[in-house]
């Protein structure tokens, strides 16, 4: 996400104009030409650098993938939603064709991803928090190892609602943390970042 207010005053002088020129055509009308035009306007302000280009003596990045099983409740809901989604997608493709069924497919994939994170993301009734998320249980175990080792950790999620559940888990376990998302004011973001480097194990 690029904040146009800081990139080019000409692009951001009037938010209503931005909405008409870019947001509505891209978000509502899925206009690829408008999206390409916006990308061209923003390209001069985007900078991507690799770690090796910034500090050459840093060690190579180490990645560790941790696998976790779905809880029995998650497995049950996943199977039900998968079957229903498969029928919904096939019906849509049969009626509209594959090209016009993109949103149906993406919506189905989104629901399945949410189930894999935590059943509570689906806003279902009568969900037992204790068996709602194998991933959240694994997160607690990994975080404990990190803190015991004297390290700090940055936690990311594409779902703000998942971050909310993580916050609740941290508070229940009395683990101090700093939190920010897209709604956090800029000043508060800088303050949180500076505190995290010295005071909090989780961010």
Protein backbone atom coordinates (compact mmCIF):
# COMPACT_ATOMS: atom_id res chain seq x y z
CA UNK A 1 0.00 0.00 0.00
CA UNK A 2 1.40 3.39 -0.99
CA UNK A 3 0.26 6.54 0.80
CA UNK A 4 -0.28 8.94 -2.09
CA UNK A 5 -0.18 11.92 0.26
CA UNK A 6 3.55 11.43 0.61
CA UNK A 7 4.35 10.29 -2.91
CA UNK A 8 3.02 12.97 -5.20
CA UNK A 9 0.80 15.91 -4.34
CA UNK A 10 -0.55 15.89 -7.88
CA UNK A 11 -1.90 12.39 -7.38
CA UNK A 12 -3.46 13.03 -4.01
CA UNK A 13 -4.68 16.62 -4.15
CA UNK A 14 -8.30 15.54 -4.12
CA UNK A 15 -9.35 12.24 -2.60
CA UNK A 16 -12.67 12.35 -4.48
CA UNK A 17 -10.76 12.57 -7.75
CA UNK A 18 -8.62 9.58 -6.80
CA UNK A 19 -11.71 7.61 -5.97
CA UNK A 20 -13.35 8.39 -9.32
CA UNK A 21 -10.22 7.98 -11.41
CA UNK A 22 -8.71 4.89 -9.80
CA UNK A 23 -10.56 3.24 -6.92
CA UNK A 24 -13.96 2.75 -8.55
CA UNK A 25 -12.66 1.52 -11.93
CA UNK A 26 -10.17 -0.85 -10.28
CA UNK A 27 -12.15 -2.17 -7.31
CA UNK A 28 -15.67 -2.20 -8.67
CA UNK A 29 -15.23 -2.48 -12.41
CA UNK A 30 -12.02 -4.57 -12.43
CA UNK A 31 -10.60 -2.38 -15.19
CA UNK A 32 -7.08 -3.64 -16.07
CA UNK A 33 -6.23 -0.50 -18.09
CA UNK A 34 -6.85 1.75 -15.08
CA UNK A 35 -4.86 -0.57 -12.84
CA UNK A 36 -1.95 -0.50 -15.28
CA UNK A 37 -2.12 3.30 -15.48
CA UNK A 38 -2.00 3.61 -11.68
CA UNK A 39 0.93 1.19 -11.55
CA UNK A 40 2.85 3.34 -14.04
CA UNK A 41 2.19 6.48 -11.97
CA UNK A 42 3.36 4.83 -8.76
CA UNK A 43 6.39 2.98 -10.12
CA UNK A 44 8.84 5.88 -9.56
CA UNK A 45 7.93 5.91 -5.86
CA UNK A 46 8.34 2.18 -5.24
CA UNK A 47 11.71 0.85 -4.16
CA UNK A 48 12.51 -2.80 -3.62
CA UNK A 49 15.93 -3.70 -2.31
CA UNK A 50 17.30 -7.08 -1.35
CA UNK A 51 19.03 -7.52 1.96
CA UNK A 52 22.32 -8.34 0.25
CA UNK A 53 22.17 -4.98 -1.54
CA UNK A 54 21.86 -3.05 1.72
CA UNK A 55 24.29 -4.79 4.09
CA UNK A 56 26.53 -7.28 2.36
CA UNK A 57 27.91 -8.90 5.52
CA UNK A 58 24.51 -10.07 6.81
CA UNK A 59 24.12 -13.86 6.95
CA UNK A 60 21.77 -15.60 4.57
CA UNK A 61 18.13 -15.70 5.59
CA UNK A 62 17.06 -18.92 7.28
CA UNK A 63 13.52 -20.15 6.74
CA UNK A 64 11.81 -22.80 8.83
CA UNK A 65 8.37 -24.03 7.84
CA UNK A 66 6.28 -25.40 10.70
CA UNK A 67 3.37 -27.68 9.88
CA UNK A 68 0.36 -28.10 12.11
CA UNK A 69 -2.70 -30.32 11.97
CA UNK A 70 -6.24 -29.03 11.91
CA UNK A 71 -8.18 -29.76 15.06
CA UNK A 72 -11.02 -32.29 14.69
CA UNK A 73 -13.52 -29.40 14.66
CA UNK A 74 -11.57 -27.66 11.91
CA UNK A 75 -11.37 -30.87 9.88
CA UNK A 76 -15.12 -31.33 10.08
CA UNK A 77 -15.95 -27.77 9.03
CA UNK A 78 -13.28 -27.82 6.32
CA UNK A 79 -14.77 -30.96 4.76
CA UNK A 80 -18.28 -29.46 4.83
CA UNK A 81 -17.22 -26.11 3.34
CA UNK A 82 -15.03 -27.81 0.74
CA UNK A 83 -17.93 -29.91 -0.50
CA UNK A 84 -20.32 -26.94 -0.58
CA UNK A 85 -17.71 -24.71 -2.25
CA UNK A 86 -16.93 -27.34 -4.89
CA UNK A 87 -20.62 -27.46 -5.86
CA UNK A 88 -20.89 -23.66 -5.85
CA UNK A 89 -17.84 -23.29 -8.10
CA UNK A 90 -18.92 -26.00 -10.52
CA UNK A 91 -22.40 -24.51 -10.79
CA UNK A 92 -20.94 -21.06 -11.43
CA UNK A 93 -18.47 -22.31 -14.04
CA UNK A 94 -21.23 -24.26 -15.74
CA UNK A 95 -23.54 -21.25 -15.86
CA UNK A 96 -21.07 -18.39 -16.49
CA UNK A 97 -17.83 -19.99 -17.61
CA UNK A 98 -14.48 -20.01 -15.85
CA UNK A 99 -13.59 -16.39 -16.64
CA UNK A 100 -16.73 -15.04 -14.95
CA UNK A 101 -16.44 -17.35 -11.94
CA UNK A 102 -13.22 -15.86 -10.60
CA UNK A 103 -14.80 -14.16 -7.60
CA UNK A 104 -16.71 -17.31 -6.65
CA UNK A 105 -13.46 -19.30 -6.73
CA UNK A 106 -11.54 -16.69 -4.73
CA UNK A 107 -14.33 -16.50 -2.16
CA UNK A 108 -14.26 -20.27 -1.73
CA UNK A 109 -10.49 -20.27 -1.28
CA UNK A 110 -10.77 -17.44 1.25
CA UNK A 111 -13.22 -19.41 3.40
CA UNK A 112 -10.96 -22.45 3.35
CA UNK A 113 -7.95 -20.34 4.34
CA UNK A 114 -9.93 -18.83 7.22
CA UNK A 115 -10.87 -22.29 8.47
CA UNK A 116 -7.20 -23.27 8.47
CA UNK A 117 -6.40 -20.20 10.59
CA UNK A 118 -9.23 -20.31 13.13
CA UNK A 119 -12.88 -21.32 12.92
CA UNK A 120 -13.87 -18.10 14.65
CA UNK A 121 -12.91 -16.15 11.53
CA UNK A 122 -16.05 -17.54 9.88
CA UNK A 123 -18.28 -16.01 12.56
CA UNK A 124 -20.01 -19.35 13.12
CA UNK A 125 -22.15 -19.99 16.17
CA UNK A 126 -21.24 -22.35 19.00
CA UNK A 127 -17.52 -22.52 18.24
CA UNK A 128 -15.40 -23.90 21.06
CA UNK A 129 -12.35 -21.61 21.36
CA UNK A 130 -10.32 -24.49 22.80
CA UNK A 131 -10.62 -26.52 19.59
CA UNK A 132 -11.00 -23.73 17.04
CA UNK A 133 -7.41 -23.43 15.86
CA UNK A 134 -4.47 -25.79 15.63
CA UNK A 135 -2.42 -22.94 14.18
CA UNK A 136 -2.99 -20.70 17.21
CA UNK A 137 -1.94 -23.51 19.54
CA UNK A 138 1.27 -24.03 17.55
CA UNK A 139 1.87 -20.28 17.58
CA UNK A 140 1.82 -20.30 21.39
CA UNK A 141 4.35 -23.12 21.49
CA UNK A 142 6.70 -21.43 19.03
CA UNK A 143 6.40 -18.09 20.78
CA UNK A 144 7.29 -19.67 24.10
CA UNK A 145 10.46 -21.10 22.55
CA UNK A 146 11.39 -17.72 21.09
CA UNK A 147 10.90 -15.88 24.37
CA UNK A 148 12.77 -18.55 26.35
CA UNK A 149 15.67 -18.07 23.94
CA UNK A 150 15.76 -14.34 24.71
CA UNK A 151 14.57 -13.32 21.25
CA UNK A 152 11.88 -10.99 19.94
CA UNK A 153 9.40 -11.83 17.23
CA UNK A 154 7.37 -10.04 14.55
CA UNK A 155 3.98 -11.61 13.85
CA UNK A 156 2.13 -10.97 10.59
CA UNK A 157 -1.30 -12.02 9.35
CA UNK A 158 -3.37 -11.07 6.32
CA UNK A 159 -6.46 -11.28 8.53
CA UNK A 160 -6.90 -8.50 11.08
CA UNK A 161 -9.44 -10.71 12.83
CA UNK A 162 -6.71 -13.35 13.28
CA UNK A 163 -4.44 -10.72 14.81
CA UNK A 164 -7.26 -9.92 17.23
CA UNK A 165 -7.40 -13.56 18.33
CA UNK A 166 -3.62 -13.59 18.74
CA UNK A 167 -3.85 -10.48 20.91
CA UNK A 168 -6.44 -12.20 23.09
CA UNK A 169 -4.16 -15.22 23.46
CA UNK A 170 -1.18 -13.02 24.40
CA UNK A 171 -3.24 -11.17 26.99
CA UNK A 172 -4.55 -14.43 28.45
CA UNK A 173 -0.99 -15.71 28.77
CA UNK A 174 0.18 -12.32 30.12
CA UNK A 175 2.76 -11.86 27.37
CA UNK A 176 3.53 -8.16 26.70
CA UNK A 177 3.27 -7.04 23.11
CA UNK A 178 2.88 -4.08 20.77
CA UNK A 179 0.21 -4.10 18.06
CA UNK A 180 -0.51 -2.21 14.89
CA UNK A 181 -2.59 -2.64 11.76
CA UNK A 182 -3.78 -0.47 8.91
CA UNK A 183 -6.02 1.58 11.21
CA UNK A 184 -3.19 2.52 13.58
CA UNK A 185 -2.27 6.25 13.32
CA UNK A 186 1.19 6.93 11.88
CA UNK A 187 2.47 8.53 15.10
CA UNK A 188 1.37 5.50 17.10
CA UNK A 189 3.11 3.18 14.61
CA UNK A 190 6.44 4.95 15.12
CA UNK A 191 5.98 4.90 18.88
CA UNK A 192 5.14 1.18 18.88
CA UNK A 193 8.11 0.34 16.67
CA UNK A 194 10.57 2.19 18.89
CA UNK A 195 9.24 0.54 22.05
CA UNK A 196 9.33 -2.92 20.50
CA UNK A 197 13.09 -2.79 19.96
CA UNK A 198 13.70 -2.57 23.70
CA UNK A 199 10.63 -3.46 25.75
CA UNK A 200 8.39 -6.06 24.16
CA UNK A 201 9.07 -9.63 22.99
CA UNK A 202 6.14 -9.74 20.57
CA UNK A 203 5.08 -7.29 17.87
